[in-house]
PDB file of N, CA and C in Angstrom:
ATOM      1  N   LEU A   1       0.826  -1.204   0.000  1.00  0.00           N
ATOM      2  CA  LEU A   1       0.000   0.000   0.000  1.00  0.00           C
ATOM      3  C   LEU A   1       0.861   1.256   0.000  1.00  0.00           C
ATOM      4  N   GLU A   2       1.980   1.222   0.721  1.00  0.00           N
ATOM      5  CA  GLU A   2       2.867   2.385   0.699  1.00  0.00           C
ATOM      6  C   GLU A   2       3.432   2.598  -0.700  1.00  0.00           C
ATOM      7  N   GLN A   3       3.824   1.513  -1.360  1.00  0.00           N
ATOM      8  CA  GLN A   3       4.386   1.620  -2.710  1.00  0.00           C
ATOM      9  C   GLN A   3       3.373   2.153  -3.715  1.00  0.00           C
ATOM     10  N   LYS A   4       2.105   1.922  -3.447  1.00  0.00           N
ATOM     11  CA  LYS A   4       1.042   2.394  -4.331  1.00  0.00           C
ATOM     12  C   LYS A   4       0.491   3.750  -3.880  1.00  0.00           C
ATOM     13  N   ARG A   5       1.203   4.389  -2.973  1.00  0.00           N
ATOM     14  CA  ARG A   5       0.852   5.728  -2.486  1.00  0.00           C
ATOM     15  C   ARG A   5      -0.503   5.775  -1.773  1.00  0.00           C
ATOM     16  N   GLU A   6      -0.775   4.738  -1.033  1.00  0.00           N
ATOM     17  CA  GLU A   6      -1.983   4.672  -0.202  1.00  0.00           C
ATOM     18  C   GLU A   6      -1.556   4.783   1.260  1.00  0.00           C
ATOM     19  N   ALA A   7      -0.934   5.910   1.592  1.00  0.00           N
ATOM     20  CA  ALA A   7      -0.334   6.110   2.912  1.00  0.00           C
ATOM     21  C   ALA A   7      -1.343   6.017   4.048  1.00  0.00           C
ATOM     22  N   SER A   8      -2.528   6.555   3.863  1.00  0.00           N
ATOM     23  CA  SER A   8      -3.522   6.536   4.927  1.00  0.00           C
ATOM     24  C   SER A   8      -3.936   5.106   5.276  1.00  0.00           C
ATOM     25  N   ILE A   9      -4.236   4.316   4.256  1.00  0.00           N
ATOM     26  CA  ILE A   9      -4.616   2.921   4.494  1.00  0.00           C
ATOM     27  C   ILE A   9      -3.448   2.170   5.105  1.00  0.00           C
ATOM     28  N   ALA A  10      -2.260   2.372   4.574  1.00  0.00           N
ATOM     29  CA  ALA A  10      -1.066   1.692   5.092  1.00  0.00           C
ATOM     30  C   ALA A  10      -0.838   2.039   6.556  1.00  0.00           C
ATOM     31  N   SER A  11      -1.015   3.289   6.907  1.00  0.00           N
ATOM     32  CA  SER A  11      -0.830   3.718   8.294  1.00  0.00           C
ATOM     33  C   SER A  11      -1.830   3.040   9.226  1.00  0.00           C
ATOM     34  N   HIS A  12      -3.083   2.972   8.808  1.00  0.00           N
ATOM     35  CA  HIS A  12      -4.095   2.291   9.630  1.00  0.00           C
ATOM     36  C   HIS A  12      -3.746   0.810   9.796  1.00  0.00           C
ATOM     37  N   LEU A  13      -3.283   0.186   8.719  1.00  0.00           N
ATOM     38  CA  LEU A  13      -2.934  -1.233   8.815  1.00  0.00           C
ATOM     39  C   LEU A  13      -1.762  -1.451   9.772  1.00  0.00           C
ATOM     40  N   LYS A  14      -0.807  -0.551   9.780  1.00  0.00           N
ATOM     41  CA  LYS A  14       0.361  -0.696  10.658  1.00  0.00           C
ATOM     42  C   LYS A  14       0.032  -0.438  12.126  1.00  0.00           C
ATOM     43  N   ARG A  15      -0.757   0.600  12.376  1.00  0.00           N
ATOM     44  CA  ARG A  15      -0.971   1.049  13.746  1.00  0.00           C
ATOM     45  C   ARG A  15      -2.242   0.525  14.409  1.00  0.00           C
ATOM     46  N   SER A  16      -3.252   0.175  13.621  1.00  0.00           N
ATOM     47  CA  SER A  16      -4.558  -0.112  14.207  1.00  0.00           C
ATOM     48  C   SER A  16      -5.076  -1.523  13.953  1.00  0.00           C
ATOM     49  N   VAL A  17      -4.331  -2.336  13.234  1.00  0.00           N
ATOM     50  CA  VAL A  17      -4.863  -3.630  12.808  1.00  0.00           C
ATOM     51  C   VAL A  17      -4.044  -4.780  13.364  1.00  0.00           C
ATOM     52  N   ARG A  18      -4.760  -5.753  13.915  1.00  0.00           N
ATOM     53  CA  ARG A  18      -4.149  -6.999  14.373  1.00  0.00           C
ATOM     54  C   ARG A  18      -4.520  -8.074  13.366  1.00  0.00           C
ATOM     55  N   LEU A  19      -3.520  -8.610  12.681  1.00  0.00           N
ATOM     56  CA  LEU A  19      -3.756  -9.626  11.658  1.00  0.00           C
ATOM     57  C   LEU A  19      -4.198 -10.933  12.305  1.00  0.00           C
ATOM     58  N   VAL A  20      -5.276 -11.506  11.807  1.00  0.00           N
ATOM     59  CA  VAL A  20      -5.790 -12.775  12.301  1.00  0.00           C
ATOM     60  C   VAL A  20      -5.502 -13.885  11.303  1.00  0.00           C
ATOM     61  N   ARG A  21      -5.755 -13.617  10.023  1.00  0.00           N
ATOM     62  CA  ARG A  21      -5.527 -14.634   8.991  1.00  0.00           C
ATOM     63  C   ARG A  21      -5.133 -13.960   7.698  1.00  0.00           C
ATOM     64  N   PHE A  22      -4.156 -14.557   7.010  1.00  0.00           N
ATOM     65  CA  PHE A  22      -3.725 -14.045   5.718  1.00  0.00           C
ATOM     66  C   PHE A  22      -3.347 -15.220   4.841  1.00  0.00           C
ATOM     67  N   GLU A  23      -4.002 -15.334   3.716  1.00  0.00           N
ATOM     68  CA  GLU A  23      -3.666 -16.336   2.713  1.00  0.00           C
ATOM     69  C   GLU A  23      -4.103 -15.775   1.374  1.00  0.00           C
ATOM     70  N   ALA A  24      -3.739 -16.435   0.295  1.00  0.00           N
ATOM     71  CA  ALA A  24      -4.052 -15.930  -1.040  1.00  0.00           C
ATOM     72  C   ALA A  24      -5.548 -15.634  -1.166  1.00  0.00           C
ATOM     73  N   GLY A  25      -5.872 -14.406  -1.423  1.00  0.00           N
ATOM     74  CA  GLY A  25      -7.250 -14.007  -1.638  1.00  0.00           C
ATOM     75  C   GLY A  25      -8.044 -13.680  -0.387  1.00  0.00           C
ATOM     76  N   VAL A  26      -7.446 -13.880   0.789  1.00  0.00           N
ATOM     77  CA  VAL A  26      -8.178 -13.655   2.041  1.00  0.00           C
ATOM     78  C   VAL A  26      -7.284 -12.950   3.054  1.00  0.00           C
ATOM     79  N   ILE A  27      -7.815 -11.893   3.639  1.00  0.00           N
ATOM     80  CA  ILE A  27      -7.149 -11.244   4.760  1.00  0.00           C
ATOM     81  C   ILE A  27      -8.230 -10.957   5.808  1.00  0.00           C
ATOM     82  N   GLU A  28      -7.956 -11.374   7.024  1.00  0.00           N
ATOM     83  CA  GLU A  28      -8.901 -11.200   8.122  1.00  0.00           C
ATOM     84  C   GLU A  28      -8.165 -10.497   9.246  1.00  0.00           C
ATOM     85  N   PHE A  29      -8.773  -9.440   9.769  1.00  0.00           N
ATOM     86  CA  PHE A  29      -8.091  -8.690  10.806  1.00  0.00           C
ATOM     87  C   PHE A  29      -9.052  -8.139  11.843  1.00  0.00           C
ATOM     88  N   ASN A  30      -8.459  -7.775  12.979  1.00  0.00           N
ATOM     89  CA  ASN A  30      -9.183  -7.153  14.078  1.00  0.00           C
ATOM     90  C   ASN A  30      -8.747  -5.690  14.113  1.00  0.00           C
ATOM     91  N   PRO A  31      -9.622  -4.772  13.689  1.00  0.00           N
ATOM     92  CA  PRO A  31      -9.228  -3.365  13.661  1.00  0.00           C
ATOM     93  C   PRO A  31      -9.371  -2.711  15.025  1.00  0.00           C
ATOM     94  N   GLY A  32      -8.485  -1.786  15.307  1.00  0.00           N
ATOM     95  CA  GLY A  32      -8.581  -1.003  16.533  1.00  0.00           C
ATOM     96  C   GLY A  32      -9.644   0.071  16.403  1.00  0.00           C
ATOM     97  N   LYS A  33      -9.875   0.784  17.486  1.00  0.00           N
ATOM     98  CA  LYS A  33     -10.920   1.815  17.530  1.00  0.00           C
ATOM     99  C   LYS A  33     -10.672   2.965  16.560  1.00  0.00           C
ATOM    100  N   THR A  34      -9.404   3.223  16.234  1.00  0.00           N
ATOM    101  CA  THR A  34      -9.097   4.358  15.363  1.00  0.00           C
ATOM    102  C   THR A  34      -9.167   4.016  13.875  1.00  0.00           C
ATOM    103  N   ALA A  35      -9.336   2.744  13.553  1.00  0.00           N
ATOM    104  CA  ALA A  35      -9.419   2.342  12.144  1.00  0.00           C
ATOM    105  C   ALA A  35     -10.767   2.756  11.557  1.00  0.00           C
ATOM    106  N   PRO A  36     -10.776   3.193  10.311  1.00  0.00           N
ATOM    107  CA  PRO A  36     -12.057   3.554   9.694  1.00  0.00           C
ATOM    108  C   PRO A  36     -12.959   2.326   9.548  1.00  0.00           C
ATOM    109  N   SER A  37     -14.249   2.543   9.621  1.00  0.00           N
ATOM    110  CA  SER A  37     -15.196   1.428   9.571  1.00  0.00           C
ATOM    111  C   SER A  37     -15.187   0.707   8.227  1.00  0.00           C
ATOM    112  N   ASP A  38     -14.737   1.375   7.173  1.00  0.00           N
ATOM    113  CA  ASP A  38     -14.706   0.750   5.850  1.00  0.00           C
ATOM    114  C   ASP A  38     -13.305   0.269   5.450  1.00  0.00           C
ATOM    115  N   LEU A  39     -12.420   0.104   6.418  1.00  0.00           N
ATOM    116  CA  LEU A  39     -11.039  -0.285   6.103  1.00  0.00           C
ATOM    117  C   LEU A  39     -10.975  -1.622   5.368  1.00  0.00           C
ATOM    118  N   ALA A  40     -11.736  -2.615   5.805  1.00  0.00           N
ATOM    119  CA  ALA A  40     -11.717  -3.923   5.137  1.00  0.00           C
ATOM    120  C   ALA A  40     -12.133  -3.776   3.676  1.00  0.00           C
ATOM    121  N   GLY A  41     -13.160  -2.997   3.423  1.00  0.00           N
ATOM    122  CA  GLY A  41     -13.604  -2.782   2.049  1.00  0.00           C
ATOM    123  C   GLY A  41     -12.538  -2.105   1.205  1.00  0.00           C
ATOM    124  N   GLN A  42     -11.871  -1.109   1.774  1.00  0.00           N
ATOM    125  CA  GLN A  42     -10.806  -0.409   1.054  1.00  0.00           C
ATOM    126  C   GLN A  42      -9.658  -1.359   0.718  1.00  0.00           C
ATOM    127  N   VAL A  43      -9.266  -2.166   1.696  1.00  0.00           N
ATOM    128  CA  VAL A  43      -8.144  -3.097   1.506  1.00  0.00           C
ATOM    129  C   VAL A  43      -8.497  -4.136   0.446  1.00  0.00           C
ATOM    130  N   GLY A  44      -9.679  -4.741   0.565  1.00  0.00           N
ATOM    131  CA  GLY A  44     -10.098  -5.745  -0.414  1.00  0.00           C
ATOM    132  C   GLY A  44     -10.160  -5.184  -1.823  1.00  0.00           C
ATOM    133  N   LYS A  45     -10.695  -3.993  -1.947  1.00  0.00           N
ATOM    134  CA  LYS A  45     -10.813  -3.356  -3.260  1.00  0.00           C
ATOM    135  C   LYS A  45      -9.441  -3.085  -3.878  1.00  0.00           C
ATOM    136  N   LYS A  46      -8.547  -2.507  -3.087  1.00  0.00           N
ATOM    137  CA  LYS A  46      -7.211  -2.178  -3.603  1.00  0.00           C
ATOM    138  C   LYS A  46      -6.430  -3.435  -3.983  1.00  0.00           C
ATOM    139  N   LEU A  47      -6.460  -4.456  -3.126  1.00  0.00           N
ATOM    140  CA  LEU A  47      -5.726  -5.685  -3.432  1.00  0.00           C
ATOM    141  C   LEU A  47      -6.270  -6.360  -4.690  1.00  0.00           C
ATOM    142  N   THR A  48      -7.579  -6.378  -4.836  1.00  0.00           N
ATOM    143  CA  THR A  48      -8.195  -6.958  -6.035  1.00  0.00           C
ATOM    144  C   THR A  48      -7.780  -6.183  -7.274  1.00  0.00           C
ATOM    145  N   GLU A  49      -7.824  -4.868  -7.172  1.00  0.00           N
ATOM    146  CA  GLU A  49      -7.459  -3.996  -8.292  1.00  0.00           C
ATOM    147  C   GLU A  49      -6.003  -4.212  -8.707  1.00  0.00           C
ATOM    148  N   TRP A  50      -5.108  -4.281  -7.741  1.00  0.00           N
ATOM    149  CA  TRP A  50      -3.681  -4.361  -8.038  1.00  0.00           C
ATOM    150  C   TRP A  50      -3.218  -5.744  -8.465  1.00  0.00           C
ATOM    151  N   THR A  51      -3.842  -6.781  -7.943  1.00  0.00           N
ATOM    152  CA  THR A  51      -3.370  -8.141  -8.234  1.00  0.00           C
ATOM    153  C   THR A  51      -4.135  -8.823  -9.356  1.00  0.00           C
ATOM    154  N   GLY A  52      -5.333  -8.334  -9.672  1.00  0.00           N
ATOM    155  CA  GLY A  52      -6.155  -8.996 -10.671  1.00  0.00           C
ATOM    156  C   GLY A  52      -6.819 -10.253 -10.134  1.00  0.00           C
ATOM    157  N   GLN A  53      -6.620 -10.516  -8.868  1.00  0.00           N
ATOM    158  CA  GLN A  53      -7.230 -11.668  -8.194  1.00  0.00           C
ATOM    159  C   GLN A  53      -8.227 -11.123  -7.174  1.00  0.00           C
ATOM    160  N   ARG A  54      -9.349 -11.821  -7.003  1.00  0.00           N
ATOM    161  CA  ARG A  54     -10.349 -11.367  -6.034  1.00  0.00           C
ATOM    162  C   ARG A  54      -9.809 -11.547  -4.622  1.00  0.00           C
ATOM    163  N   TRP A  55      -9.870 -10.484  -3.835  1.00  0.00           N
ATOM    164  CA  TRP A  55      -9.465 -10.512  -2.430  1.00  0.00           C
ATOM    165  C   TRP A  55     -10.668 -10.200  -1.557  1.00  0.00           C
ATOM    166  N   VAL A  56     -10.812 -10.951  -0.493  1.00  0.00           N
ATOM    167  CA  VAL A  56     -11.845 -10.699   0.493  1.00  0.00           C
ATOM    168  C   VAL A  56     -11.148 -10.279   1.777  1.00  0.00           C
ATOM    169  N   ALA A  57     -11.433  -9.075   2.216  1.00  0.00           N
ATOM    170  CA  ALA A  57     -10.895  -8.588   3.485  1.00  0.00           C
ATOM    171  C   ALA A  57     -12.066  -8.510   4.453  1.00  0.00           C
ATOM    172  N   SER A  58     -11.880  -9.079   5.624  1.00  0.00           N
ATOM    173  CA  SER A  58     -12.981  -9.075   6.589  1.00  0.00           C
ATOM    174  C   SER A  58     -12.483  -8.766   7.992  1.00  0.00           C
ATOM    175  N   VAL A  59     -13.423  -8.354   8.818  1.00  0.00           N
ATOM    176  CA  VAL A  59     -13.153  -7.957  10.195  1.00  0.00           C
ATOM    177  C   VAL A  59     -13.628  -9.064  11.123  1.00  0.00           C
ATOM    178  N   THR A  60     -12.861  -9.295  12.196  1.00  0.00           N
ATOM    179  CA  THR A  60     -13.225 -10.297  13.185  1.00  0.00           C
ATOM    180  C   THR A  60     -12.927  -9.758  14.579  1.00  0.00           C
ATOM    181  N   ASN A  61     -13.494 -10.390  15.577  1.00  0.00           N
ATOM    182  CA  ASN A  61     -13.201 -10.025  16.967  1.00  0.00           C
ATOM    183  C   ASN A  61     -12.087 -10.870  17.557  1.00  0.00           C
ATOM    184  N   ALA A  62     -11.563 -11.829  16.801  1.00  0.00           N
ATOM    185  CA  ALA A  62     -10.458 -12.657  17.281  1.00  0.00           C
ATOM    186  C   ALA A  62      -9.265 -11.764  17.601  1.00  0.00           C
ATOM    187  N   ALA A  63      -8.470 -12.173  18.569  1.00  0.00           N
ATOM    188  CA  ALA A  63      -7.373 -11.332  19.066  1.00  0.00           C
ATOM    189  C   ALA A  63      -6.360 -10.968  17.985  1.00  0.00           C
ATOM    190  N   GLY A  64      -5.852 -11.912  17.260  1.00  0.00           N
ATOM    191  CA  GLY A  64      -4.868 -11.648  16.215  1.00  0.00           C
ATOM    192  C   GLY A  64      -3.483 -11.349  16.762  1.00  0.00           C
ATOM    193  N   GLU A  65      -2.584 -11.072  15.853  1.00  0.00           N
ATOM    194  CA  GLU A  65      -1.194 -10.747  16.183  1.00  0.00           C
ATOM    195  C   GLU A  65      -1.108  -9.298  16.660  1.00  0.00           C
ATOM    196  N   PRO A  66      -0.024  -8.947  17.359  1.00  0.00           N
ATOM    197  CA  PRO A  66       0.182  -7.527  17.682  1.00  0.00           C
ATOM    198  C   PRO A  66       0.259  -6.708  16.391  1.00  0.00           C
ATOM    199  N   THR A  67      -0.077  -5.440  16.462  1.00  0.00           N
ATOM    200  CA  THR A  67       0.022  -4.587  15.276  1.00  0.00           C
ATOM    201  C   THR A  67       1.471  -4.553  14.797  1.00  0.00           C
ATOM    202  N   LEU A  68       1.664  -4.213  13.534  1.00  0.00           N
ATOM    203  CA  LEU A  68       3.028  -4.091  13.010  1.00  0.00           C
ATOM    204  C   LEU A  68       3.806  -3.034  13.787  1.00  0.00           C
ATOM    205  N   HIS A  69       3.146  -1.969  14.157  1.00  0.00           N
ATOM    206  CA  HIS A  69       3.782  -0.910  14.948  1.00  0.00           C
ATOM    207  C   HIS A  69       4.268  -1.460  16.291  1.00  0.00           C
ATOM    208  N   ASP A  70       3.406  -2.204  16.976  1.00  0.00           N
ATOM    209  CA  ASP A  70       3.789  -2.789  18.263  1.00  0.00           C
ATOM    210  C   ASP A  70       4.924  -3.797  18.104  1.00  0.00           C
ATOM    211  N   GLN A  71       4.913  -4.551  17.017  1.00  0.00           N
ATOM    212  CA  GLN A  71       6.002  -5.500  16.756  1.00  0.00           C
ATOM    213  C   GLN A  71       7.327  -4.765  16.563  1.00  0.00           C
ATOM    214  N   GLN A  72       7.289  -3.637  15.857  1.00  0.00           N
ATOM    215  CA  GLN A  72       8.506  -2.854  15.643  1.00  0.00           C
ATOM    216  C   GLN A  72       9.040  -2.288  16.956  1.00  0.00           C
ATOM    217  N   ILE A  73       8.151  -1.859  17.829  1.00  0.00           N
ATOM    218  CA  ILE A  73       8.588  -1.340  19.129  1.00  0.00           C
ATOM    219  C   ILE A  73       9.240  -2.447  19.948  1.00  0.00           C
ATOM    220  N   GLU A  74       8.663  -3.630  19.941  1.00  0.00           N
ATOM    221  CA  GLU A  74       9.256  -4.751  20.676  1.00  0.00           C
ATOM    222  C   GLU A  74      10.627  -5.121  20.117  1.00  0.00           C
ATOM    223  N   GLN A  75      10.775  -5.071  18.804  1.00  0.00           N
ATOM    224  CA  GLN A  75      12.086  -5.331  18.194  1.00  0.00           C
ATOM    225  C   GLN A  75      13.095  -4.271  18.625  1.00  0.00           C
ATOM    226  N   ALA A  76      12.665  -3.013  18.659  1.00  0.00           N
ATOM    227  CA  ALA A  76      13.562  -1.938  19.086  1.00  0.00           C
ATOM    228  C   ALA A  76      13.985  -2.134  20.533  1.00  0.00           C
ATOM    229  N   LYS A  77      13.040  -2.528  21.391  1.00  0.00           N
ATOM    230  CA  LYS A  77      13.353  -2.742  22.809  1.00  0.00           C
ATOM    231  C   LYS A  77      14.350  -3.873  23.006  1.00  0.00           C
ATOM    232  N   ALA A  78      14.398  -4.807  22.068  1.00  0.00           N
ATOM    233  CA  ALA A  78      15.307  -5.944  22.181  1.00  0.00           C
ATOM    234  C   ALA A  78      16.733  -5.604  21.740  1.00  0.00           C
ATOM    235  N   ALA A  79      16.910  -4.476  21.071  1.00  0.00           N
ATOM    236  CA  ALA A  79      18.254  -4.064  20.640  1.00  0.00           C
ATOM    237  C   ALA A  79      19.108  -3.812  21.878  1.00  0.00           C
ATOM    238  N   PRO A  80      20.345  -4.275  21.882  1.00  0.00           N
ATOM    239  CA  PRO A  80      21.192  -4.161  23.073  1.00  0.00           C
ATOM    240  C   PRO A  80      21.295  -2.751  23.653  1.00  0.00           C
ATOM    241  N   VAL A  81      21.472  -1.757  22.826  1.00  0.00           N
ATOM    242  CA  VAL A  81      21.636  -0.396  23.345  1.00  0.00           C
ATOM    243  C   VAL A  81      20.335   0.107  23.971  1.00  0.00           C
ATOM    244  N   ILE A  82      19.214  -0.199  23.368  1.00  0.00           N
ATOM    245  CA  ILE A  82      17.917   0.231  23.929  1.00  0.00           C
ATOM    246  C   ILE A  82      17.632  -0.532  25.212  1.00  0.00           C
ATOM    247  N   LYS A  83      17.929  -1.802  25.192  1.00  0.00           N
ATOM    248  CA  LYS A  83      17.717  -2.625  26.389  1.00  0.00           C
ATOM    249  C   LYS A  83      18.549  -2.082  27.558  1.00  0.00           C
ATOM    250  N   ALA A  84      19.783  -1.706  27.277  1.00  0.00           N
ATOM    251  CA  ALA A  84      20.651  -1.145  28.318  1.00  0.00           C
ATOM    252  C   ALA A  84      20.084   0.174  28.847  1.00  0.00           C
ATOM    253  N   LEU A  85      19.596   1.016  27.954  1.00  0.00           N
ATOM    254  CA  LEU A  85      18.996   2.287  28.379  1.00  0.00           C
ATOM    255  C   LEU A  85      17.755   2.050  29.229  1.00  0.00           C
ATOM    256  N   LEU A  86      16.942   1.084  28.859  1.00  0.00           N
ATOM    257  CA  LEU A  86      15.735   0.791  29.628  1.00  0.00           C
ATOM    258  C   LEU A  86      16.064   0.209  31.001  1.00  0.00           C
ATOM    259  N   ASP A  87      17.203  -0.471  31.092  1.00  0.00           N
ATOM    260  CA  ASP A  87      17.644  -0.969  32.397  1.00  0.00           C
ATOM    261  C   ASP A  87      18.000   0.196  33.319  1.00  0.00           C
ATOM    262  N   VAL A  88      18.618   1.238  32.759  1.00  0.00           N
ATOM    263  CA  VAL A  88      19.015   2.407  33.535  1.00  0.00           C
ATOM    264  C   VAL A  88      17.814   3.321  33.812  1.00  0.00           C
ATOM    265  N   TYR A  89      16.939   3.435  32.819  1.00  0.00           N
ATOM    266  CA  TYR A  89      15.754   4.291  32.924  1.00  0.00           C
ATOM    267  C   TYR A  89      14.493   3.443  32.728  1.00  0.00           C
ATOM    268  N   PRO A  90      14.096   2.697  33.748  1.00  0.00           N
ATOM    269  CA  PRO A  90      12.991   1.748  33.596  1.00  0.00           C
ATOM    270  C   PRO A  90      11.634   2.380  33.280  1.00  0.00           C
ATOM    271  N   ASN A  91      11.459   3.648  33.554  1.00  0.00           N
ATOM    272  CA  ASN A  91      10.183   4.304  33.262  1.00  0.00           C
ATOM    273  C   ASN A  91      10.158   4.964  31.877  1.00  0.00           C
ATOM    274  N   ALA A  92      11.250   4.825  31.137  1.00  0.00           N
ATOM    275  CA  ALA A  92      11.315   5.419  29.800  1.00  0.00           C
ATOM    276  C   ALA A  92      10.384   4.654  28.854  1.00  0.00           C
ATOM    277  N   GLU A  93       9.902   5.344  27.843  1.00  0.00           N
ATOM    278  CA  GLU A  93       9.046   4.734  26.832  1.00  0.00           C
ATOM    279  C   GLU A  93       9.762   4.732  25.498  1.00  0.00           C
ATOM    280  N   VAL A  94       9.532   3.698  24.734  1.00  0.00           N
ATOM    281  CA  VAL A  94      10.102   3.599  23.393  1.00  0.00           C
ATOM    282  C   VAL A  94       9.009   3.928  22.394  1.00  0.00           C
ATOM    283  N   SER A  95       9.298   4.842  21.486  1.00  0.00           N
ATOM    284  CA  SER A  95       8.352   5.164  20.420  1.00  0.00           C
ATOM    285  C   SER A  95       9.118   5.216  19.110  1.00  0.00           C
ATOM    286  N   LEU A  96       8.397   5.056  18.048  1.00  0.00           N
ATOM    287  CA  LEU A  96       9.009   5.054  16.723  1.00  0.00           C
ATOM    288  C   LEU A  96       8.568   6.290  15.961  1.00  0.00           C
ATOM    289  N   ARG A  97       9.484   6.839  15.207  1.00  0.00           N
ATOM    290  CA  ARG A  97       9.144   7.907  14.289  1.00  0.00           C
ATOM    291  C   ARG A  97      10.063   7.815  13.095  1.00  0.00           C
ATOM    292  N   ARG A  98       9.597   8.352  11.997  1.00  0.00           N
ATOM    293  CA  ARG A  98      10.391   8.336  10.783  1.00  0.00           C
ATOM    294  C   ARG A  98      11.463   9.408  10.882  1.00  0.00           C
ATOM    295  N   ALA A  99      12.545   9.210  10.169  1.00  0.00           N
ATOM    296  CA  ALA A  99      13.654  10.171  10.180  1.00  0.00           C
ATOM    297  C   ALA A  99      13.214  11.555   9.699  1.00  0.00           C
ATOM    298  N   ASP A 100      12.201  11.618   8.838  1.00  0.00           N
ATOM    299  CA  ASP A 100      11.769  12.917   8.331  1.00  0.00           C
ATOM    300  C   ASP A 100      10.737  13.590   9.237  1.00  0.00           C
ATOM    301  N   ASP A 101      10.450  13.009  10.401  1.00  0.00           N
ATOM    302  CA  ASP A 101       9.539  13.604  11.388  1.00  0.00           C
ATOM    303  C   ASP A 101      10.344  14.411  12.403  1.00  0.00           C
ATOM    304  N   LYS A 102      11.183  15.326  11.956  1.00  0.00           N
ATOM    305  CA  LYS A 102      12.115  16.032  12.814  1.00  0.00           C
ATOM    306  C   LYS A 102      11.444  16.886  13.880  1.00  0.00           C
ATOM    307  N   ASP A 103      10.315  17.487  13.562  1.00  0.00           N
ATOM    308  CA  ASP A 103       9.691  18.404  14.511  1.00  0.00           C
ATOM    309  C   ASP A 103       8.548  17.785  15.309  1.00  0.00           C
ATOM    310  N   LYS A 104       8.446  16.475  15.318  1.00  0.00           N
ATOM    311  CA  LYS A 104       7.358  15.817  16.061  1.00  0.00           C
ATOM    312  C   LYS A 104       7.888  15.147  17.309  1.00  0.00           C
TER     313      LYS A 104
END
């Protein structure tokens, strides 16, 4: 989605969606409260359009995997230097931002 310049949809998928099932033609996810109500429809439509194969995207209440954003934070926390900093500053929080987000 990022490569196809669908930044808004891609952002929602990274930050608000817990993947439950993914296989050829099917994606099932548990959206967070901030995800748009029509996200599954948008995803299914775009994937079908781009691949030429019918995709069904659906919403479920199943727990699913952690969001991609949460997975990235956990990976960052596991890095030796971050882990060492968290040992020294246990109340510190790890957050991710892009390099071009200089003023945020």
